[in-house]
Amino acid sequence: MGSVLAYKTTEGKRYLVRYKKPDGTHAAKRGFRTKFAAEEYLASVTVAISANQYIDPTDARVTIAELAETWLQDQAAVLKPSSLHPLQSTWRVHVEPRWGRVQVAAVRYSDVRAWITELSAKRGATTVIRAHGILASVLDIALRDRRLSDNPARNIRLPRKRAKHRVYLTHSQVDELADQSTHPEVIYFLAYTGLRWGEASGLRLRDVSLDRGRVHVRENAVMVNGTVHVGTPKTHVNRSVPYPAFIDPLLRAQMIGKRGDSLLFGDGQTHMPLPNSQNGWFAGAVRRAMKQDPDFPQVSPHDLRHTAASLAISAGANVKAVQRMLGHASAAMTLDTYADLFDDDLDHVASALTRARDARTITIPEPPNTSVRYPDTASPYAAIEPGRQPGGLGL
């Protein structure tokens, strides 16, 4: 299977290991200081080849950047542009500068852990987790290609994401925001349907069923690097979402002069862009609302989606209905996202348990019959002298 040969160097005798690889070609590794070390290496290679676990050192010399190129191409084939862009950006800014030129065989667990620690001191948890995920996924390819025997980027502790503080507007606050806005129809629609901005801006007249009071979500228009990308909804599943009757006149007004394939909001031809967070029309409406009411919260267009969930739950909608309205993949996801909105349900559980306990029938058991009778005394202990134990009575 292999052989160990000695050779001389200026520093003394060294040993060379020769062996045949699984593909029939020959390989060699030199530089062993002792014959025992060379034989030990040859034995490990022989066992690995027999167990079909051999890693060719030549294959392990590929760089992270070479494999990452293939991995990013794979992601582009299955991800939406809005999901792909953060991966490409994180690779370019955080992963490639540190790991791009490193060979996969040279990656060490301790080095990856030190990189995560350094990155965590500068960036948020979301960025750190995404950067680690890219490196680990690229090394997974090397593992599957048998360039590595183990992925050194796995099983590393990562920072935890902090739950985002969600803002929920009341009915009155939605009215106030709409009054201060140049697009009140958009404010009301988002706050009472829970559609994402891209889903709302992608709606066409043919997607609106006025007789049923529903809109059919089929497209999602997302701005990525200044370009609008139109595709399927986030979960790739179309859905039907109801809207309250008071919104009907607002939608009808948006339909005037438009054809069936025209966009519902805006001029009907171009997708309505997400307003600038600093000086856009939505931010201006929020500032004016806050000026009118000091207690008015700072909100973004996406907070209107949270508001829709809050208003639906407070109106008595069950979690399954809210899930379908929001387009979540599962009811569990809705519960995890809006667990704080179901706190009142916990109070109902406690109240129900209290009522059930109060309504129970309590049966008081009869005292047990005794076969020992004491006809001459009022108490079985009356005849016992003070200080004596009643053991003689069998008690």
Protein backbone atom coordinates (compact mmCIF):
# COMPACT_ATOMS: atom_id res chain seq x y z
CA MET A 1 0.00 0.00 0.00
CA GLY A 2 2.94 2.31 0.66
CA SER A 3 6.53 2.59 1.71
CA VAL A 4 8.83 4.58 3.97
CA LEU A 5 12.20 5.68 2.58
CA ALA A 6 15.07 7.44 4.28
CA TYR A 7 17.01 10.28 2.70
CA LYS A 8 19.73 12.66 3.81
CA THR A 9 19.52 16.43 4.24
CA THR A 10 21.90 19.07 5.58
CA GLU A 11 20.01 18.85 8.86
CA GLY A 12 20.27 15.07 9.11
CA LYS A 13 18.29 12.00 8.11
CA ARG A 14 14.65 12.45 7.12
CA TYR A 15 11.95 10.03 5.94
CA LEU A 16 9.69 10.02 2.91
CA VAL A 17 6.30 8.30 2.71
CA ARG A 18 5.00 7.07 -0.64
CA TYR A 19 1.52 5.65 -1.16
CA LYS A 20 -1.14 5.10 -3.81
CA LYS A 21 -4.27 7.26 -3.69
CA PRO A 22 -7.79 5.86 -4.27
CA ASP A 23 -7.75 7.11 -7.88
CA GLY A 24 -4.64 5.06 -8.62
CA THR A 25 -2.19 7.95 -8.76
CA HIS A 26 0.79 8.13 -6.42
CA ALA A 27 1.43 10.64 -3.65
CA ALA A 28 4.28 11.36 -1.31
CA LYS A 29 4.92 13.29 1.86
CA ARG A 30 8.43 14.05 3.08
CA GLY A 31 10.12 15.67 6.04
CA PHE A 32 9.46 13.19 8.84
CA ARG A 33 12.22 13.34 11.46
CA THR A 34 11.74 9.74 12.68
CA LYS A 35 10.88 6.49 10.98
CA PHE A 36 8.17 5.92 13.57
CA ALA A 37 6.44 9.19 12.66
CA ALA A 38 6.58 8.30 8.97
CA GLU A 39 5.15 4.82 9.56
CA GLU A 40 2.43 6.28 11.76
CA TYR A 41 1.42 8.69 9.00
CA LEU A 42 1.39 5.88 6.43
CA ALA A 43 -0.82 3.80 8.73
CA SER A 44 -3.31 6.65 9.15
CA VAL A 45 -3.48 7.15 5.39
CA THR A 46 -4.00 3.43 4.83
CA VAL A 47 -6.86 3.32 7.35
CA ALA A 48 -8.47 6.43 5.82
CA ILE A 49 -8.33 4.96 2.32
CA SER A 50 -9.80 1.67 3.54
CA ALA A 51 -12.64 3.51 5.32
CA ASN A 52 -13.29 5.69 2.27
CA GLN A 53 -12.40 8.76 4.33
CA TYR A 54 -9.19 9.79 2.60
CA ILE A 55 -8.64 13.53 2.10
CA ASP A 56 -6.31 14.39 -0.76
CA PRO A 57 -3.96 17.18 0.43
CA THR A 58 -3.97 18.62 -3.11
CA ASP A 59 -7.74 19.10 -3.02
CA ALA A 60 -7.52 20.90 0.33
CA ARG A 61 -5.36 23.65 -1.18
CA VAL A 62 -8.35 25.35 -2.82
CA THR A 63 -9.04 28.80 -1.37
CA ILE A 64 -12.17 29.97 0.37
CA ALA A 65 -12.75 32.53 -2.40
CA GLU A 66 -12.75 29.82 -5.09
CA LEU A 67 -15.43 27.82 -3.31
CA ALA A 68 -17.37 30.94 -2.30
CA GLU A 69 -17.83 31.90 -5.94
CA THR A 70 -19.61 28.61 -6.58
CA TRP A 71 -21.64 28.95 -3.38
CA LEU A 72 -22.86 32.45 -4.25
CA GLN A 73 -23.87 31.27 -7.72
CA ASP A 74 -25.92 28.50 -6.11
CA GLN A 75 -27.62 31.03 -3.83
CA ALA A 76 -28.44 33.30 -6.77
CA ALA A 77 -30.33 30.43 -8.37
CA VAL A 78 -32.68 29.93 -5.42
CA LEU A 79 -32.89 33.25 -3.53
CA LYS A 80 -34.78 36.42 -4.30
CA PRO A 81 -32.63 39.48 -5.09
CA SER A 82 -33.62 41.05 -1.77
CA SER A 83 -32.27 38.00 0.10
CA LEU A 84 -29.20 37.53 -2.09
CA HIS A 85 -27.96 41.12 -1.83
CA PRO A 86 -27.19 41.00 1.94
CA LEU A 87 -25.18 37.80 1.42
CA GLN A 88 -23.14 39.30 -1.40
CA SER A 89 -22.52 42.47 0.59
CA THR A 90 -21.49 40.58 3.75
CA TRP A 91 -19.14 38.35 1.78
CA ARG A 92 -17.49 41.33 0.09
CA VAL A 93 -17.15 43.48 3.22
CA HIS A 94 -16.56 41.04 6.07
CA VAL A 95 -15.70 37.52 4.90
CA GLU A 96 -13.56 37.85 1.78
CA PRO A 97 -10.99 40.29 3.25
CA ARG A 98 -10.21 37.84 6.07
CA TRP A 99 -10.68 34.44 4.46
CA GLY A 100 -10.71 34.85 0.68
CA ARG A 101 -7.07 33.85 0.11
CA VAL A 102 -6.91 31.22 2.84
CA GLN A 103 -6.78 27.57 1.78
CA VAL A 104 -9.54 25.45 3.27
CA ALA A 105 -6.96 23.14 4.87
CA ALA A 106 -5.47 26.11 6.72
CA VAL A 107 -8.68 27.18 8.46
CA ARG A 108 -8.53 26.52 12.18
CA TYR A 109 -11.32 26.52 14.74
CA SER A 110 -9.41 28.91 16.99
CA ASP A 111 -8.90 31.35 14.12
CA VAL A 112 -12.59 31.35 13.24
CA ARG A 113 -13.53 31.88 16.88
CA ALA A 114 -11.11 34.81 17.19
CA TRP A 115 -12.57 36.34 14.01
CA ILE A 116 -16.11 36.05 15.38
CA THR A 117 -15.03 37.72 18.63
CA GLU A 118 -13.36 40.58 16.77
CA LEU A 119 -16.30 41.06 14.43
CA SER A 120 -18.80 41.01 17.32
CA ALA A 121 -17.02 43.97 18.89
CA LYS A 122 -17.66 46.07 15.79
CA ARG A 123 -20.88 44.80 14.27
CA GLY A 124 -24.33 43.75 15.37
CA ALA A 125 -25.46 40.18 15.93
CA THR A 126 -27.29 39.98 12.58
CA THR A 127 -24.15 40.83 10.61
CA VAL A 128 -21.96 38.49 12.67
CA ILE A 129 -24.36 35.57 12.30
CA ARG A 130 -24.68 36.15 8.56
CA ALA A 131 -20.89 36.39 8.08
CA HIS A 132 -20.30 33.20 10.06
CA GLY A 133 -23.03 31.44 8.11
CA ILE A 134 -21.35 32.26 4.82
CA LEU A 135 -17.95 30.94 5.92
CA ALA A 136 -19.46 27.82 7.48
CA SER A 137 -21.56 27.11 4.37
CA VAL A 138 -18.53 27.45 2.08
CA LEU A 139 -16.59 25.03 4.28
CA ASP A 140 -19.57 22.66 4.17
CA ILE A 141 -18.97 22.44 0.42
CA ALA A 142 -15.34 21.53 1.08
CA LEU A 143 -16.52 18.90 3.53
CA ARG A 144 -18.96 17.38 1.06
CA ASP A 145 -16.24 17.41 -1.63
CA ARG A 146 -13.96 15.55 0.78
CA ARG A 147 -11.48 18.37 0.86
CA LEU A 148 -11.86 18.43 4.66
CA SER A 149 -12.60 15.81 7.29
CA ASP A 150 -14.36 18.31 9.55
CA ASN A 151 -15.83 21.82 9.35
CA PRO A 152 -13.83 24.05 11.74
CA ALA A 153 -16.42 26.83 11.55
CA ARG A 154 -19.20 24.79 13.11
CA ASN A 155 -20.11 24.61 16.81
CA ILE A 156 -18.94 28.16 17.54
CA ARG A 157 -20.96 30.25 19.96
CA LEU A 158 -22.49 33.26 18.24
CA PRO A 159 -24.01 36.45 19.66
CA ARG A 160 -27.75 36.38 20.17
CA LYS A 161 -30.08 38.67 18.34
CA ARG A 162 -31.98 41.05 20.55
CA ALA A 163 -35.72 41.14 20.08
CA LYS A 164 -36.72 44.28 18.24
CA HIS A 165 -39.04 46.67 20.02
CA ARG A 166 -42.28 46.74 18.06
CA VAL A 167 -44.57 49.74 17.87
CA TYR A 168 -48.32 49.27 17.63
CA LEU A 169 -50.58 52.18 16.74
CA THR A 170 -54.11 52.49 18.03
CA HIS A 171 -57.08 53.21 15.77
CA SER A 172 -56.91 56.88 16.75
CA GLN A 173 -53.19 57.08 16.03
CA VAL A 174 -53.71 55.53 12.59
CA ASP A 175 -56.30 58.24 11.91
CA GLU A 176 -53.86 60.93 13.06
CA LEU A 177 -51.07 59.60 10.85
CA ALA A 178 -53.38 59.37 7.84
CA ASP A 179 -54.59 62.95 8.42
CA GLN A 180 -51.00 64.19 8.33
CA SER A 181 -50.06 62.16 5.23
CA THR A 182 -50.18 62.94 1.54
CA HIS A 183 -51.14 59.30 0.95
CA PRO A 184 -53.79 58.47 3.57
CA GLU A 185 -55.07 55.58 1.47
CA VAL A 186 -51.68 53.84 1.80
CA ILE A 187 -51.58 54.45 5.56
CA TYR A 188 -55.02 52.95 6.12
CA PHE A 189 -54.41 50.05 3.74
CA LEU A 190 -51.14 48.96 5.37
CA ALA A 191 -52.46 49.43 8.92
CA TYR A 192 -55.57 47.31 8.34
CA THR A 193 -54.31 44.57 5.99
CA GLY A 194 -50.75 43.95 7.23
CA LEU A 195 -49.28 43.71 3.73
CA ARG A 196 -45.56 44.31 3.32
CA TRP A 197 -44.63 47.43 1.39
CA GLY A 198 -43.50 45.44 -1.64
CA GLU A 199 -46.74 43.44 -1.66
CA ALA A 200 -48.88 46.58 -1.48
CA SER A 201 -46.91 48.42 -4.17
CA GLY A 202 -47.16 45.34 -6.41
CA LEU A 203 -50.97 45.12 -6.27
CA ARG A 204 -52.83 45.61 -9.55
CA LEU A 205 -56.48 46.43 -10.15
CA ARG A 206 -57.19 42.84 -11.16
CA ASP A 207 -55.98 41.74 -7.71
CA VAL A 208 -58.80 43.61 -5.93
CA SER A 209 -62.18 41.92 -5.38
CA LEU A 210 -64.47 44.80 -4.47
CA ASP A 211 -67.51 42.55 -4.08
CA ARG A 212 -65.73 40.34 -1.51
CA GLY A 213 -63.66 43.03 0.17
CA ARG A 214 -60.38 41.24 -0.49
CA VAL A 215 -57.07 41.71 -2.24
CA HIS A 216 -55.12 38.84 -3.77
CA VAL A 217 -51.39 39.04 -3.10
CA ARG A 218 -49.54 37.62 -6.09
CA GLU A 219 -46.54 39.91 -6.58
CA ASN A 220 -43.89 41.50 -4.44
CA ALA A 221 -41.99 44.56 -5.72
CA VAL A 222 -38.75 45.13 -3.79
CA MET A 223 -36.17 47.85 -4.31
CA VAL A 224 -32.62 46.43 -4.34
CA ASN A 225 -29.70 48.76 -5.11
CA GLY A 226 -32.01 51.28 -6.70
CA THR A 227 -33.73 48.75 -8.95
CA VAL A 228 -37.23 47.36 -8.43
CA HIS A 229 -37.35 43.57 -8.60
CA VAL A 230 -40.80 42.06 -9.09
CA GLY A 231 -41.33 38.48 -7.99
CA THR A 232 -43.53 36.23 -5.91
CA PRO A 233 -44.50 37.04 -2.29
CA LYS A 234 -41.92 36.39 0.39
CA THR A 235 -43.08 32.84 1.11
CA HIS A 236 -43.67 32.12 -2.61
CA VAL A 237 -47.34 31.54 -1.78
CA ASN A 238 -50.25 33.65 -3.03
CA ARG A 239 -52.84 34.62 -0.46
CA SER A 240 -56.15 36.42 -0.10
CA VAL A 241 -56.35 39.22 2.47
CA PRO A 242 -59.57 40.90 3.63
CA TYR A 243 -59.88 44.63 4.16
CA PRO A 244 -62.48 46.52 6.24
CA ALA A 245 -65.43 48.18 4.49
CA PHE A 246 -64.34 51.74 5.27
CA ILE A 247 -61.28 51.26 3.01
CA ASP A 248 -63.46 50.39 0.00
CA PRO A 249 -64.03 54.05 -1.11
CA LEU A 250 -60.29 54.73 -0.84
CA LEU A 251 -59.47 51.80 -3.15
CA ARG A 252 -62.18 52.75 -5.62
CA ALA A 253 -60.71 56.24 -5.83
CA GLN A 254 -57.32 54.72 -6.70
CA MET A 255 -58.89 52.76 -9.57
CA ILE A 256 -60.30 55.75 -11.44
CA GLY A 257 -58.84 56.01 -14.95
CA LYS A 258 -56.78 52.82 -14.67
CA ARG A 259 -56.93 49.49 -16.50
CA GLY A 260 -57.03 46.03 -14.98
CA ASP A 261 -53.30 45.47 -15.26
CA SER A 262 -52.43 48.91 -13.82
CA LEU A 263 -50.84 49.19 -10.39
CA LEU A 264 -53.35 50.02 -7.69
CA PHE A 265 -51.29 52.66 -5.88
CA GLY A 266 -49.42 55.52 -7.49
CA ASP A 267 -49.65 56.47 -11.16
CA GLY A 268 -50.49 52.92 -12.21
CA GLN A 269 -47.33 52.50 -14.30
CA THR A 270 -44.38 52.60 -11.91
CA HIS A 271 -44.18 50.89 -8.54
CA MET A 272 -44.57 53.26 -5.64
CA PRO A 273 -41.11 53.42 -3.99
CA LEU A 274 -40.57 52.96 -0.29
CA PRO A 275 -40.40 56.53 1.10
CA ASN A 276 -37.06 57.80 2.34
CA SER A 277 -36.70 57.24 6.08
CA GLN A 278 -35.32 60.74 6.63
CA ASN A 279 -37.14 63.15 4.34
CA GLY A 280 -39.80 61.07 2.60
CA TRP A 281 -43.53 61.70 2.80
CA PHE A 282 -44.05 59.02 5.46
CA ALA A 283 -41.35 60.45 7.75
CA GLY A 284 -42.87 63.90 7.29
CA ALA A 285 -46.30 62.61 8.31
CA VAL A 286 -44.81 61.01 11.44
CA ARG A 287 -43.07 64.26 12.44
CA ARG A 288 -46.29 66.24 12.03
CA ALA A 289 -48.23 63.64 14.04
CA MET A 290 -45.62 63.77 16.82
CA LYS A 291 -45.88 67.54 16.86
CA GLN A 292 -49.65 67.29 17.31
CA ASP A 293 -49.37 64.55 19.93
CA PRO A 294 -46.18 64.32 22.05
CA ASP A 295 -47.05 60.69 22.85
CA PHE A 296 -47.18 59.66 19.21
CA PRO A 297 -44.46 57.02 18.64
CA GLN A 298 -41.72 57.02 16.02
CA VAL A 299 -42.86 54.52 13.39
CA SER A 300 -41.82 53.20 10.00
CA PRO A 301 -43.98 51.83 7.18
CA HIS A 302 -43.20 48.29 8.37
CA ASP A 303 -44.59 49.15 11.81
CA LEU A 304 -48.00 49.44 10.15
CA ARG A 305 -47.76 45.69 9.48
CA HIS A 306 -47.26 45.14 13.21
CA THR A 307 -50.17 47.50 13.85
CA ALA A 308 -52.42 45.40 11.62
CA ALA A 309 -51.54 42.30 13.63
CA SER A 310 -52.24 44.13 16.89
CA LEU A 311 -55.59 45.52 15.76
CA ALA A 312 -56.68 42.13 14.39
CA ILE A 313 -55.79 40.29 17.59
CA SER A 314 -57.44 42.91 19.80
CA ALA A 315 -60.58 42.54 17.65
CA GLY A 316 -60.68 38.83 18.51
CA ALA A 317 -59.02 37.24 15.46
CA ASN A 318 -57.42 33.87 16.19
CA VAL A 319 -53.79 33.17 15.49
CA LYS A 320 -54.53 31.11 12.36
CA ALA A 321 -56.46 33.97 10.79
CA VAL A 322 -53.68 36.42 11.61
CA GLN A 323 -51.12 34.01 10.13
CA ARG A 324 -53.02 33.84 6.83
CA MET A 325 -53.51 37.60 6.74
CA LEU A 326 -49.81 38.33 7.28
CA GLY A 327 -48.57 35.52 5.03
CA HIS A 328 -46.47 33.81 7.68
CA ALA A 329 -45.22 30.32 6.92
CA SER A 330 -46.89 28.89 10.04
CA ALA A 331 -49.02 29.84 13.02
CA ALA A 332 -46.01 29.08 15.22
CA MET A 333 -44.10 31.85 13.47
CA THR A 334 -46.96 34.27 14.15
CA LEU A 335 -47.00 33.30 17.82
CA ASP A 336 -43.24 33.69 18.09
CA THR A 337 -43.32 37.08 16.37
CA TYR A 338 -46.27 38.53 18.26
CA ALA A 339 -46.20 36.60 21.50
CA ASP A 340 -46.59 39.86 23.46
CA LEU A 341 -49.95 40.50 21.82
CA PHE A 342 -51.37 37.29 23.27
CA ASP A 343 -50.63 38.18 26.91
CA ASP A 344 -54.32 38.83 27.49
CA ASP A 345 -55.01 35.21 26.54
CA LEU A 346 -52.88 34.15 29.52
CA ASP A 347 -55.12 36.23 31.76
CA HIS A 348 -58.16 34.48 30.25
CA VAL A 349 -56.57 31.10 31.01
CA ALA A 350 -56.01 32.05 34.64
CA SER A 351 -59.56 33.37 34.96
CA ALA A 352 -60.98 30.22 33.40
CA LEU A 353 -59.06 28.02 35.81
CA THR A 354 -60.33 30.09 38.75
CA ARG A 355 -63.94 29.80 37.58
CA ALA A 356 -63.57 26.05 37.09
CA ARG A 357 -62.19 25.62 40.58
CA ASP A 358 -64.92 27.77 42.16
CA ALA A 359 -67.63 25.85 40.32
CA ARG A 360 -66.51 22.42 41.45
CA THR A 361 -68.68 20.32 43.85
CA ILE A 362 -66.87 19.68 47.11
CA THR A 363 -67.87 16.42 48.82
CA ILE A 364 -67.10 16.13 52.54
CA PRO A 365 -66.40 12.46 53.42
CA GLU A 366 -68.30 10.80 56.22
CA PRO A 367 -66.25 10.00 59.36
CA PRO A 368 -65.10 6.38 59.43
CA ASN A 369 -67.02 3.85 61.49
CA THR A 370 -65.19 2.32 64.42
CA SER A 371 -65.73 -1.13 65.85
CA VAL A 372 -64.68 -0.03 69.36
CA ARG A 373 -67.49 1.45 71.42
CA TYR A 374 -67.34 3.18 74.76
CA PRO A 375 -70.89 3.18 76.11
CA ASP A 376 -70.00 4.35 79.60
CA THR A 377 -67.87 7.37 78.67
CA ALA A 378 -68.15 10.39 76.41
CA SER A 379 -64.61 9.97 75.12
CA PRO A 380 -62.46 6.88 74.51
CA TYR A 381 -59.68 8.59 76.44
CA ALA A 382 -61.73 9.46 79.46
CA ALA A 383 -60.55 6.40 81.42
CA ILE A 384 -56.87 6.89 80.64
CA GLU A 385 -54.78 8.29 83.40
CA PRO A 386 -52.91 11.53 82.67
CA GLY A 387 -49.46 10.94 81.14
CA ARG A 388 -50.19 7.44 79.88
CA GLN A 389 -50.06 6.55 76.17
CA PRO A 390 -53.23 5.26 74.46
CA GLY A 391 -51.34 2.38 72.92
CA GLY A 392 -53.35 -0.15 74.84
CA LEU A 393 -56.46 0.93 72.94
CA GLY A 394 -54.81 0.22 69.60
CA LEU A 395 -54.82 3.91 68.61
